[in-house]
Amino acid sequence: MEDAGIGWIAAIIIGGIAGWLAEMFMKSNMGVLMNIVLGIVGAAVANILLGLIGVSLGGWLGYLVAGFIGACILIAIGRAIRR
């Protein structure tokens, strides 16, 4: 997470926001802690996936976008597994 140009505190805050936005967009009800986890893990997943196609997002805005995309992907995967 450090290579994104933000610290761990910012990663937690931005991850929480990204997770919350994904929760609203996907109409799920995960809770604050799960939103933070989804946002942070989602950002890592999205950065890996976007890196494979040559897209690089930097800074807090890039981290927020990547976290949102990744968290939406993780919510969709979680729904598919639970069904």
C-alpha atoms as a PDB file:
ATOM      1  CA  MET A   1       0.000   0.000   0.000  1.00  0.00           C
ATOM      2  CA  GLU A   2       2.917   2.356   0.638  1.00  0.00           C
ATOM      3  CA  ASP A   3       3.822   2.506  -3.062  1.00  0.00           C
ATOM      4  CA  ALA A   4       0.532   4.318  -3.745  1.00  0.00           C
ATOM      5  CA  GLY A   5       2.074   7.428  -2.158  1.00  0.00           C
ATOM      6  CA  ILE A   6      -0.135   7.378   0.935  1.00  0.00           C
ATOM      7  CA  GLY A   7       0.454   6.207   4.496  1.00  0.00           C
ATOM      8  CA  TRP A   8      -1.319   3.484   6.441  1.00  0.00           C
ATOM      9  CA  ILE A   9      -3.674   5.903   8.223  1.00  0.00           C
ATOM     10  CA  ALA A  10      -4.713   7.417   4.908  1.00  0.00           C
ATOM     11  CA  ALA A  11      -5.043   3.911   3.421  1.00  0.00           C
ATOM     12  CA  ILE A  12      -7.477   2.963   6.200  1.00  0.00           C
ATOM     13  CA  ILE A  13      -9.512   6.160   5.782  1.00  0.00           C
ATOM     14  CA  ILE A  14      -9.576   6.028   1.975  1.00  0.00           C
ATOM     15  CA  GLY A  15     -10.211   2.269   2.065  1.00  0.00           C
ATOM     16  CA  GLY A  16     -13.169   2.857   4.369  1.00  0.00           C
ATOM     17  CA  ILE A  17     -14.592   5.496   2.044  1.00  0.00           C
ATOM     18  CA  ALA A  18     -14.052   3.282  -1.011  1.00  0.00           C
ATOM     19  CA  GLY A  19     -15.674   0.327   0.760  1.00  0.00           C
ATOM     20  CA  TRP A  20     -18.616   2.467   1.851  1.00  0.00           C
ATOM     21  CA  LEU A  21     -19.107   3.809  -1.683  1.00  0.00           C
ATOM     22  CA  ALA A  22     -18.997   0.256  -3.035  1.00  0.00           C
ATOM     23  CA  GLU A  23     -21.483  -0.824  -0.359  1.00  0.00           C
ATOM     24  CA  MET A  24     -23.886   1.943  -1.455  1.00  0.00           C
ATOM     25  CA  PHE A  25     -23.376   1.183  -5.162  1.00  0.00           C
ATOM     26  CA  MET A  26     -23.792  -2.582  -4.774  1.00  0.00           C
ATOM     27  CA  LYS A  27     -26.640  -2.158  -2.236  1.00  0.00           C
ATOM     28  CA  SER A  28     -25.056  -4.431   0.354  1.00  0.00           C
ATOM     29  CA  ASN A  29     -24.895  -4.059   4.131  1.00  0.00           C
ATOM     30  CA  MET A  30     -21.413  -4.940   5.359  1.00  0.00           C
ATOM     31  CA  GLY A  31     -20.599  -2.657   8.292  1.00  0.00           C
ATOM     32  CA  VAL A  32     -17.771  -0.177   8.892  1.00  0.00           C
ATOM     33  CA  LEU A  33     -14.944  -2.650   9.557  1.00  0.00           C
ATOM     34  CA  MET A  34     -15.819  -4.770   6.531  1.00  0.00           C
ATOM     35  CA  ASN A  35     -16.016  -1.596   4.392  1.00  0.00           C
ATOM     36  CA  ILE A  36     -12.455  -0.692   5.406  1.00  0.00           C
ATOM     37  CA  VAL A  37     -11.207  -4.217   4.690  1.00  0.00           C
ATOM     38  CA  LEU A  38     -13.040  -4.346   1.336  1.00  0.00           C
ATOM     39  CA  GLY A  39     -11.685  -0.934   0.349  1.00  0.00           C
ATOM     40  CA  ILE A  40      -8.064  -1.764   1.196  1.00  0.00           C
ATOM     41  CA  VAL A  41      -8.083  -5.305  -0.213  1.00  0.00           C
ATOM     42  CA  GLY A  42     -10.150  -4.096  -3.157  1.00  0.00           C
ATOM     43  CA  ALA A  43      -7.574  -1.401  -3.949  1.00  0.00           C
ATOM     44  CA  ALA A  44      -4.798  -4.008  -3.929  1.00  0.00           C
ATOM     45  CA  VAL A  45      -6.818  -6.362  -6.172  1.00  0.00           C
ATOM     46  CA  ALA A  46      -7.820  -3.578  -8.567  1.00  0.00           C
ATOM     47  CA  ASN A  47      -4.244  -2.238  -8.786  1.00  0.00           C
ATOM     48  CA  ILE A  48      -3.002  -5.737  -9.692  1.00  0.00           C
ATOM     49  CA  LEU A  49      -5.759  -6.230 -12.286  1.00  0.00           C
ATOM     50  CA  LEU A  50      -5.307  -2.739 -13.747  1.00  0.00           C
ATOM     51  CA  GLY A  51      -1.531  -3.245 -13.796  1.00  0.00           C
ATOM     52  CA  LEU A  52      -2.016  -6.310 -15.982  1.00  0.00           C
ATOM     53  CA  ILE A  53      -3.601  -4.126 -18.663  1.00  0.00           C
ATOM     54  CA  GLY A  54      -1.074  -1.308 -18.213  1.00  0.00           C
ATOM     55  CA  VAL A  55      -3.176   1.137 -16.187  1.00  0.00           C
ATOM     56  CA  SER A  56      -1.552   2.760 -13.155  1.00  0.00           C
ATOM     57  CA  LEU A  57      -3.491   4.819 -10.610  1.00  0.00           C
ATOM     58  CA  GLY A  58      -1.497   6.934  -8.166  1.00  0.00           C
ATOM     59  CA  GLY A  59      -2.175   9.159  -5.184  1.00  0.00           C
ATOM     60  CA  TRP A  60      -5.197   9.194  -2.916  1.00  0.00           C
ATOM     61  CA  LEU A  61      -7.719   9.679  -5.738  1.00  0.00           C
ATOM     62  CA  GLY A  62      -6.314   6.738  -7.676  1.00  0.00           C
ATOM     63  CA  TYR A  63      -6.350   4.665  -4.493  1.00  0.00           C
ATOM     64  CA  LEU A  64      -9.992   5.638  -3.902  1.00  0.00           C
ATOM     65  CA  VAL A  65     -11.006   4.698  -7.461  1.00  0.00           C
ATOM     66  CA  ALA A  66      -9.066   1.417  -7.309  1.00  0.00           C
ATOM     67  CA  GLY A  67     -10.542   0.653  -3.881  1.00  0.00           C
ATOM     68  CA  PHE A  68     -14.072   1.285  -5.133  1.00  0.00           C
ATOM     69  CA  ILE A  69     -13.601  -0.891  -8.225  1.00  0.00           C
ATOM     70  CA  GLY A  70     -11.924  -3.665  -6.241  1.00  0.00           C
ATOM     71  CA  ALA A  71     -14.490  -3.596  -3.441  1.00  0.00           C
ATOM     72  CA  CYS A  72     -17.332  -3.866  -5.994  1.00  0.00           C
ATOM     73  CA  ILE A  73     -15.562  -6.861  -7.550  1.00  0.00           C
ATOM     74  CA  LEU A  74     -15.113  -8.494  -4.128  1.00  0.00           C
ATOM     75  CA  ILE A  75     -18.777  -7.908  -3.181  1.00  0.00           C
ATOM     76  CA  ALA A  76     -19.882  -9.459  -6.493  1.00  0.00           C
ATOM     77  CA  ILE A  77     -17.589 -12.471  -5.950  1.00  0.00           C
ATOM     78  CA  GLY A  78     -18.896 -12.855  -2.390  1.00  0.00           C
ATOM     79  CA  ARG A  79     -22.492 -12.807  -3.630  1.00  0.00           C
ATOM     80  CA  ALA A  80     -21.725 -15.409  -6.311  1.00  0.00           C
ATOM     81  CA  ILE A  81     -20.106 -17.733  -3.763  1.00  0.00           C
ATOM     82  CA  ARG A  82     -22.951 -17.374  -1.260  1.00  0.00           C
ATOM     83  CA  ARG A  83     -25.583 -18.232  -3.891  1.00  0.00           C
END
